PDB file of all heavy atoms in Angstrom:
ATOM      1  N   PHE A   1      -9.587  -4.827 -17.350  1.00  0.00           N
ATOM      2  CA  PHE A   1     -11.008  -5.166 -17.318  1.00  0.00           C
ATOM      3  C   PHE A   1     -11.904  -3.971 -17.599  1.00  0.00           C
ATOM      4  O   PHE A   1     -13.095  -4.029 -17.388  1.00  0.00           O
ATOM      5  CB  PHE A   1     -11.373  -5.749 -15.940  1.00  0.00           C
ATOM      6  CG  PHE A   1     -10.692  -7.049 -15.660  1.00  0.00           C
ATOM      7  CD1 PHE A   1      -9.474  -7.068 -15.019  1.00  0.00           C
ATOM      8  CD2 PHE A   1     -11.257  -8.242 -16.049  1.00  0.00           C
ATOM      9  CE1 PHE A   1      -8.840  -8.258 -14.752  1.00  0.00           C
ATOM     10  CE2 PHE A   1     -10.624  -9.443 -15.778  1.00  0.00           C
ATOM     11  CZ  PHE A   1      -9.422  -9.458 -15.146  1.00  0.00           C
ATOM     12  N   GLY A   2     -11.305  -2.856 -18.071  1.00  0.00           N
ATOM     13  CA  GLY A   2     -12.113  -1.676 -18.286  1.00  0.00           C
ATOM     14  C   GLY A   2     -12.276  -0.871 -17.024  1.00  0.00           C
ATOM     15  O   GLY A   2     -11.809  -1.229 -15.939  1.00  0.00           O
ATOM     16  N   GLY A   3     -12.895   0.260 -17.165  1.00  0.00           N
ATOM     17  CA  GLY A   3     -13.107   1.103 -16.008  1.00  0.00           C
ATOM     18  C   GLY A   3     -11.939   2.047 -15.767  1.00  0.00           C
ATOM     19  O   GLY A   3     -11.029   2.205 -16.580  1.00  0.00           O
ATOM     20  N   LYS A   4     -11.931   2.689 -14.630  1.00  0.00           N
ATOM     21  CA  LYS A   4     -10.923   3.697 -14.292  1.00  0.00           C
ATOM     22  C   LYS A   4      -9.609   3.006 -13.929  1.00  0.00           C
ATOM     23  O   LYS A   4      -9.579   2.092 -13.118  1.00  0.00           O
ATOM     24  CB  LYS A   4     -11.417   4.543 -13.123  1.00  0.00           C
ATOM     25  CG  LYS A   4     -10.459   5.655 -12.731  1.00  0.00           C
ATOM     26  CD  LYS A   4     -11.019   6.459 -11.574  1.00  0.00           C
ATOM     27  CE  LYS A   4     -10.034   7.551 -11.177  1.00  0.00           C
ATOM     28  NZ  LYS A   4     -10.530   8.332 -10.029  1.00  0.00           N
ATOM     29  N   LYS A   5      -8.506   3.466 -14.560  1.00  0.00           N
ATOM     30  CA  LYS A   5      -7.185   2.927 -14.274  1.00  0.00           C
ATOM     31  C   LYS A   5      -6.267   3.982 -13.658  1.00  0.00           C
ATOM     32  O   LYS A   5      -5.343   3.650 -12.924  1.00  0.00           O
ATOM     33  CB  LYS A   5      -6.542   2.395 -15.554  1.00  0.00           C
ATOM     34  CG  LYS A   5      -7.309   1.248 -16.187  1.00  0.00           C
ATOM     35  CD  LYS A   5      -6.620   0.757 -17.423  1.00  0.00           C
ATOM     36  CE  LYS A   5      -7.408  -0.387 -18.043  1.00  0.00           C
ATOM     37  NZ  LYS A   5      -8.742   0.011 -18.463  1.00  0.00           N
ATOM     38  N   LYS A   6      -6.470   5.244 -13.970  1.00  0.00           N
ATOM     39  CA  LYS A   6      -5.619   6.306 -13.459  1.00  0.00           C
ATOM     40  C   LYS A   6      -5.843   6.475 -11.952  1.00  0.00           C
ATOM     41  O   LYS A   6      -6.969   6.585 -11.485  1.00  0.00           O
ATOM     42  CB  LYS A   6      -5.922   7.624 -14.178  1.00  0.00           C
ATOM     43  CG  LYS A   6      -4.985   8.760 -13.787  1.00  0.00           C
ATOM     44  CD  LYS A   6      -5.290  10.001 -14.586  1.00  0.00           C
ATOM     45  CE  LYS A   6      -4.355  11.134 -14.192  1.00  0.00           C
ATOM     46  NZ  LYS A   6      -4.659  12.374 -14.954  1.00  0.00           N
ATOM     47  N   GLY A   7      -4.736   6.478 -11.247  1.00  0.00           N
ATOM     48  CA  GLY A   7      -4.829   6.634  -9.807  1.00  0.00           C
ATOM     49  C   GLY A   7      -5.271   5.387  -9.076  1.00  0.00           C
ATOM     50  O   GLY A   7      -5.675   5.459  -7.914  1.00  0.00           O
ATOM     51  N   SER A   8      -5.216   4.210  -9.738  1.00  0.00           N
ATOM     52  CA  SER A   8      -5.653   2.984  -9.074  1.00  0.00           C
ATOM     53  C   SER A   8      -4.688   2.545  -7.987  1.00  0.00           C
ATOM     54  O   SER A   8      -5.058   1.776  -7.100  1.00  0.00           O
ATOM     55  CB  SER A   8      -5.813   1.866 -10.108  1.00  0.00           C
ATOM     56  OG  SER A   8      -4.570   1.631 -10.765  1.00  0.00           O
ATOM     57  N   LYS A   9      -3.396   3.038  -8.049  1.00  0.00           N
ATOM     58  CA  LYS A   9      -2.405   2.645  -7.056  1.00  0.00           C
ATOM     59  C   LYS A   9      -2.211   3.701  -5.981  1.00  0.00           C
ATOM     60  O   LYS A   9      -1.272   3.613  -5.172  1.00  0.00           O
ATOM     61  CB  LYS A   9      -1.069   2.363  -7.743  1.00  0.00           C
ATOM     62  CG  LYS A   9      -1.120   1.173  -8.682  1.00  0.00           C
ATOM     63  CD  LYS A   9       0.246   0.862  -9.255  1.00  0.00           C
ATOM     64  CE  LYS A   9       0.186  -0.350 -10.172  1.00  0.00           C
ATOM     65  NZ  LYS A   9       1.512  -0.678 -10.755  1.00  0.00           N
ATOM     66  N   TRP A  10      -3.012   4.729  -5.997  1.00  0.00           N
ATOM     67  CA  TRP A  10      -2.888   5.751  -4.973  1.00  0.00           C
ATOM     68  C   TRP A  10      -3.333   5.194  -3.630  1.00  0.00           C
ATOM     69  O   TRP A  10      -4.217   4.332  -3.539  1.00  0.00           O
ATOM     70  CB  TRP A  10      -3.755   6.955  -5.324  1.00  0.00           C
ATOM     71  CG  TRP A  10      -3.212   7.752  -6.490  1.00  0.00           C
ATOM     72  CD1 TRP A  10      -2.053   7.551  -7.163  1.00  0.00           C
ATOM     73  CD2 TRP A  10      -3.844   8.870  -7.096  1.00  0.00           C
ATOM     74  NE1 TRP A  10      -1.889   8.447  -8.157  1.00  0.00           N
ATOM     75  CE2 TRP A  10      -2.992   9.299  -8.150  1.00  0.00           C
ATOM     76  CE3 TRP A  10      -5.027   9.567  -6.865  1.00  0.00           C
ATOM     77  CZ2 TRP A  10      -3.278  10.370  -8.973  1.00  0.00           C
ATOM     78  CZ3 TRP A  10      -5.312  10.632  -7.675  1.00  0.00           C
ATOM     79  CH2 TRP A  10      -4.448  11.043  -8.724  1.00  0.00           C
ATOM     80  N   ASN A  11      -2.706   5.751  -2.601  1.00  0.00           N
ATOM     81  CA  ASN A  11      -3.097   5.351  -1.250  1.00  0.00           C
ATOM     82  C   ASN A  11      -4.431   5.980  -0.870  1.00  0.00           C
ATOM     83  O   ASN A  11      -4.770   7.069  -1.322  1.00  0.00           O
ATOM     84  CB  ASN A  11      -2.031   5.797  -0.241  1.00  0.00           C
ATOM     85  CG  ASN A  11      -1.153   4.635   0.172  1.00  0.00           C
ATOM     86  OD1 ASN A  11      -1.536   3.489  -0.006  1.00  0.00           O
ATOM     87  ND2 ASN A  11       0.018   4.951   0.706  1.00  0.00           N
ATOM     88  N   THR A  12      -5.142   5.238  -0.060  1.00  0.00           N
ATOM     89  CA  THR A  12      -6.379   5.756   0.513  1.00  0.00           C
ATOM     90  C   THR A  12      -6.230   5.810   2.028  1.00  0.00           C
ATOM     91  O   THR A  12      -5.199   5.385   2.584  1.00  0.00           O
ATOM     92  CB  THR A  12      -7.569   4.871   0.142  1.00  0.00           C
ATOM     93  OG1 THR A  12      -7.337   3.548   0.634  1.00  0.00           O
ATOM     94  CG2 THR A  12      -7.759   4.812  -1.378  1.00  0.00           C
ATOM     95  N   LYS A  13      -7.237   6.331   2.688  1.00  0.00           N
ATOM     96  CA  LYS A  13      -7.181   6.417   4.146  1.00  0.00           C
ATOM     97  C   LYS A  13      -7.107   5.028   4.771  1.00  0.00           C
ATOM     98  O   LYS A  13      -6.346   4.807   5.733  1.00  0.00           O
ATOM     99  CB  LYS A  13      -8.416   7.169   4.644  1.00  0.00           C
ATOM    100  CG  LYS A  13      -8.419   7.412   6.145  1.00  0.00           C
ATOM    101  CD  LYS A  13      -9.648   8.203   6.558  1.00  0.00           C
ATOM    102  CE  LYS A  13      -9.648   8.441   8.060  1.00  0.00           C
ATOM    103  NZ  LYS A  13     -10.849   9.201   8.494  1.00  0.00           N
ATOM    104  N   GLU A  14      -7.830   4.092   4.216  1.00  0.00           N
ATOM    105  CA  GLU A  14      -7.823   2.738   4.763  1.00  0.00           C
ATOM    106  C   GLU A  14      -6.477   2.055   4.531  1.00  0.00           C
ATOM    107  O   GLU A  14      -5.924   1.395   5.425  1.00  0.00           O
ATOM    108  CB  GLU A  14      -8.958   1.912   4.136  1.00  0.00           C
ATOM    109  CG  GLU A  14     -10.365   2.309   4.574  1.00  0.00           C
ATOM    110  CD  GLU A  14     -10.829   3.553   3.862  1.00  0.00           C
ATOM    111  OE1 GLU A  14     -10.142   3.991   2.912  1.00  0.00           O
ATOM    112  OE2 GLU A  14     -11.888   4.103   4.266  1.00  0.00           O
ATOM    113  N   SER A  15      -5.937   2.194   3.277  1.00  0.00           N
ATOM    114  CA  SER A  15      -4.646   1.546   3.013  1.00  0.00           C
ATOM    115  C   SER A  15      -3.508   2.223   3.795  1.00  0.00           C
ATOM    116  O   SER A  15      -2.533   1.570   4.179  1.00  0.00           O
ATOM    117  CB  SER A  15      -4.348   1.591   1.519  1.00  0.00           C
ATOM    118  OG  SER A  15      -4.216   2.934   1.058  1.00  0.00           O
ATOM    119  N   PHE A  16      -3.621   3.523   4.037  1.00  0.00           N
ATOM    120  CA  PHE A  16      -2.590   4.231   4.811  1.00  0.00           C
ATOM    121  C   PHE A  16      -2.584   3.771   6.264  1.00  0.00           C
ATOM    122  O   PHE A  16      -1.523   3.629   6.886  1.00  0.00           O
ATOM    123  CB  PHE A  16      -2.837   5.740   4.722  1.00  0.00           C
ATOM    124  CG  PHE A  16      -1.878   6.548   5.539  1.00  0.00           C
ATOM    125  CD1 PHE A  16      -0.574   6.779   5.091  1.00  0.00           C
ATOM    126  CD2 PHE A  16      -2.261   7.079   6.762  1.00  0.00           C
ATOM    127  CE1 PHE A  16       0.316   7.518   5.856  1.00  0.00           C
ATOM    128  CE2 PHE A  16      -1.374   7.817   7.523  1.00  0.00           C
ATOM    129  CZ  PHE A  16      -0.084   8.036   7.073  1.00  0.00           C
ATOM    130  N   ASN A  17      -3.739   3.537   6.816  1.00  0.00           N
ATOM    131  CA  ASN A  17      -3.841   3.107   8.210  1.00  0.00           C
ATOM    132  C   ASN A  17      -3.595   1.617   8.387  1.00  0.00           C
ATOM    133  O   ASN A  17      -3.422   1.155   9.521  1.00  0.00           O
ATOM    134  CB  ASN A  17      -5.212   3.464   8.779  1.00  0.00           C
ATOM    135  CG  ASN A  17      -5.430   4.964   8.857  1.00  0.00           C
ATOM    136  OD1 ASN A  17      -4.481   5.724   9.067  1.00  0.00           O
ATOM    137  ND2 ASN A  17      -6.677   5.394   8.695  1.00  0.00           N
ATOM    138  N   ASP A  18      -3.582   0.852   7.300  1.00  0.00           N
ATOM    139  CA  ASP A  18      -3.383  -0.592   7.396  1.00  0.00           C
ATOM    140  C   ASP A  18      -1.887  -0.883   7.429  1.00  0.00           C
ATOM    141  O   ASP A  18      -1.172  -0.655   6.444  1.00  0.00           O
ATOM    142  CB  ASP A  18      -4.043  -1.286   6.195  1.00  0.00           C
ATOM    143  CG  ASP A  18      -3.977  -2.788   6.316  1.00  0.00           C
ATOM    144  OD1 ASP A  18      -3.661  -3.283   7.422  1.00  0.00           O
ATOM    145  OD2 ASP A  18      -4.237  -3.478   5.306  1.00  0.00           O
ATOM    146  N   VAL A  19      -1.378  -1.354   8.578  1.00  0.00           N
ATOM    147  CA  VAL A  19       0.050  -1.677   8.741  1.00  0.00           C
ATOM    148  C   VAL A  19       0.238  -3.171   8.989  1.00  0.00           C
ATOM    149  O   VAL A  19       1.240  -3.580   9.572  1.00  0.00           O
ATOM    150  CB  VAL A  19       0.638  -0.852   9.907  1.00  0.00           C
ATOM    151  CG1 VAL A  19       0.667   0.622   9.569  1.00  0.00           C
ATOM    152  CG2 VAL A  19      -0.131  -1.097  11.200  1.00  0.00           C
ATOM    153  N   SER A  20      -0.722  -3.984   8.554  1.00  0.00           N
ATOM    154  CA  SER A  20      -0.617  -5.419   8.808  1.00  0.00           C
ATOM    155  C   SER A  20       0.504  -6.066   8.013  1.00  0.00           C
ATOM    156  O   SER A  20       1.071  -7.081   8.431  1.00  0.00           O
ATOM    157  CB  SER A  20      -1.955  -6.088   8.489  1.00  0.00           C
ATOM    158  OG  SER A  20      -2.293  -5.879   7.124  1.00  0.00           O
ATOM    159  N   SER A  21       0.867  -5.508   6.842  1.00  0.00           N
ATOM    160  CA  SER A  21       1.918  -6.096   6.008  1.00  0.00           C
ATOM    161  C   SER A  21       3.294  -5.485   6.273  1.00  0.00           C
ATOM    162  O   SER A  21       4.244  -5.749   5.521  1.00  0.00           O
ATOM    163  CB  SER A  21       1.548  -5.915   4.532  1.00  0.00           C
ATOM    164  OG  SER A  21       1.443  -4.541   4.210  1.00  0.00           O
ATOM    165  N   PHE A  22       3.429  -4.664   7.302  1.00  0.00           N
ATOM    166  CA  PHE A  22       4.726  -4.021   7.604  1.00  0.00           C
ATOM    167  C   PHE A  22       5.667  -5.036   8.228  1.00  0.00           C
ATOM    168  O   PHE A  22       5.294  -5.776   9.150  1.00  0.00           O
ATOM    169  CB  PHE A  22       4.511  -2.842   8.546  1.00  0.00           C
ATOM    170  CG  PHE A  22       5.787  -2.181   8.981  1.00  0.00           C
ATOM    171  CD1 PHE A  22       6.481  -1.352   8.096  1.00  0.00           C
ATOM    172  CD2 PHE A  22       6.309  -2.412  10.234  1.00  0.00           C
ATOM    173  CE1 PHE A  22       7.657  -0.750   8.482  1.00  0.00           C
ATOM    174  CE2 PHE A  22       7.488  -1.807  10.619  1.00  0.00           C
ATOM    175  CZ  PHE A  22       8.175  -0.979   9.744  1.00  0.00           C
ATOM    176  N   GLN A  23       6.920  -5.096   7.726  1.00  0.00           N
ATOM    177  CA  GLN A  23       7.959  -5.984   8.237  1.00  0.00           C
ATOM    178  C   GLN A  23       9.169  -5.136   8.597  1.00  0.00           C
ATOM    179  O   GLN A  23       9.784  -4.503   7.731  1.00  0.00           O
ATOM    180  CB  GLN A  23       8.325  -7.040   7.192  1.00  0.00           C
ATOM    181  CG  GLN A  23       7.164  -7.968   6.827  1.00  0.00           C
ATOM    182  CD  GLN A  23       7.555  -9.004   5.801  1.00  0.00           C
ATOM    183  OE1 GLN A  23       8.736  -9.074   5.437  1.00  0.00           O
ATOM    184  NE2 GLN A  23       6.596  -9.784   5.366  1.00  0.00           N
ATOM    185  N   SER A  24       9.516  -5.159   9.872  1.00  0.00           N
ATOM    186  CA  SER A  24      10.596  -4.292  10.349  1.00  0.00           C
ATOM    187  C   SER A  24      11.958  -4.710   9.813  1.00  0.00           C
ATOM    188  O   SER A  24      12.805  -3.871   9.498  1.00  0.00           O
ATOM    189  CB  SER A  24      10.607  -4.296  11.883  1.00  0.00           C
ATOM    190  OG  SER A  24      10.829  -5.609  12.358  1.00  0.00           O
ATOM    191  N   LYS A  25      12.211  -6.004   9.677  1.00  0.00           N
ATOM    192  CA  LYS A  25      13.516  -6.475   9.209  1.00  0.00           C
ATOM    193  C   LYS A  25      13.771  -6.022   7.775  1.00  0.00           C
ATOM    194  O   LYS A  25      14.861  -5.605   7.416  1.00  0.00           O
ATOM    195  CB  LYS A  25      13.596  -7.982   9.309  1.00  0.00           C
ATOM    196  CG  LYS A  25      13.626  -8.499  10.732  1.00  0.00           C
ATOM    197  CD  LYS A  25      13.755 -10.007  10.761  1.00  0.00           C
ATOM    198  CE  LYS A  25      13.812 -10.519  12.192  1.00  0.00           C
ATOM    199  NZ  LYS A  25      13.959 -11.993  12.241  1.00  0.00           N
ATOM    200  N   VAL A  26      12.739  -6.140   6.959  1.00  0.00           N
ATOM    201  CA  VAL A  26      12.890  -5.728   5.574  1.00  0.00           C
ATOM    202  C   VAL A  26      13.015  -4.216   5.490  1.00  0.00           C
ATOM    203  O   VAL A  26      13.797  -3.666   4.690  1.00  0.00           O
ATOM    204  CB  VAL A  26      11.695  -6.232   4.740  1.00  0.00           C
ATOM    205  CG1 VAL A  26      11.792  -5.737   3.297  1.00  0.00           C
ATOM    206  CG2 VAL A  26      11.625  -7.749   4.781  1.00  0.00           C
ATOM    207  N   ALA A  27      12.269  -3.503   6.313  1.00  0.00           N
ATOM    208  CA  ALA A  27      12.312  -2.045   6.260  1.00  0.00           C
ATOM    209  C   ALA A  27      13.652  -1.483   6.726  1.00  0.00           C
ATOM    210  O   ALA A  27      14.130  -0.469   6.218  1.00  0.00           O
ATOM    211  CB  ALA A  27      11.178  -1.472   7.107  1.00  0.00           C
ATOM    212  N   HIS A  28      14.331  -2.138   7.697  1.00  0.00           N
ATOM    213  CA  HIS A  28      15.605  -1.666   8.235  1.00  0.00           C
ATOM    214  C   HIS A  28      16.790  -2.415   7.654  1.00  0.00           C
ATOM    215  O   HIS A  28      17.862  -2.485   8.274  1.00  0.00           O
ATOM    216  CB  HIS A  28      15.619  -1.779   9.769  1.00  0.00           C
ATOM    217  CG  HIS A  28      14.600  -0.908  10.432  1.00  0.00           C
ATOM    218  ND1 HIS A  28      13.339  -1.352  10.746  1.00  0.00           N
ATOM    219  CD2 HIS A  28      14.648   0.391  10.843  1.00  0.00           C
ATOM    220  CE1 HIS A  28      12.652  -0.380  11.311  1.00  0.00           C
ATOM    221  NE2 HIS A  28      13.440   0.705  11.397  1.00  0.00           N
ATOM    222  N   ASN A  29      16.622  -3.034   6.490  1.00  0.00           N
ATOM    223  CA  ASN A  29      17.717  -3.701   5.773  1.00  0.00           C
ATOM    224  C   ASN A  29      18.344  -4.812   6.617  1.00  0.00           C
ATOM    225  O   ASN A  29      19.569  -4.962   6.674  1.00  0.00           O
ATOM    226  CB  ASN A  29      18.792  -2.689   5.377  1.00  0.00           C
ATOM    227  CG  ASN A  29      19.661  -3.214   4.215  1.00  0.00           C
ATOM    228  OD1 ASN A  29      19.292  -4.176   3.542  1.00  0.00           O
ATOM    229  ND2 ASN A  29      20.788  -2.571   3.973  1.00  0.00           N
ATOM    230  N   LYS A  30      17.503  -5.575   7.301  1.00  0.00           N
ATOM    231  CA  LYS A  30      17.998  -6.657   8.147  1.00  0.00           C
ATOM    232  C   LYS A  30      17.500  -8.020   7.702  1.00  0.00           C
ATOM    233  O   LYS A  30      17.742  -9.018   8.371  1.00  0.00           O
ATOM    234  CB  LYS A  30      17.574  -6.428   9.594  1.00  0.00           C
ATOM    235  CG  LYS A  30      18.203  -5.212  10.230  1.00  0.00           C
ATOM    236  CD  LYS A  30      17.764  -5.080  11.661  1.00  0.00           C
ATOM    237  CE  LYS A  30      18.404  -3.845  12.304  1.00  0.00           C
ATOM    238  NZ  LYS A  30      17.986  -3.711  13.722  1.00  0.00           N
TER     239      LYS A  30
END
């Protein structure tokens, strides 16, 4: 859509502190 694309997937302070999508079973291969 135009605009800045470089670094669009970098983490920010808000995304780093957001752990709502964390799943322990998937993270520990369970």
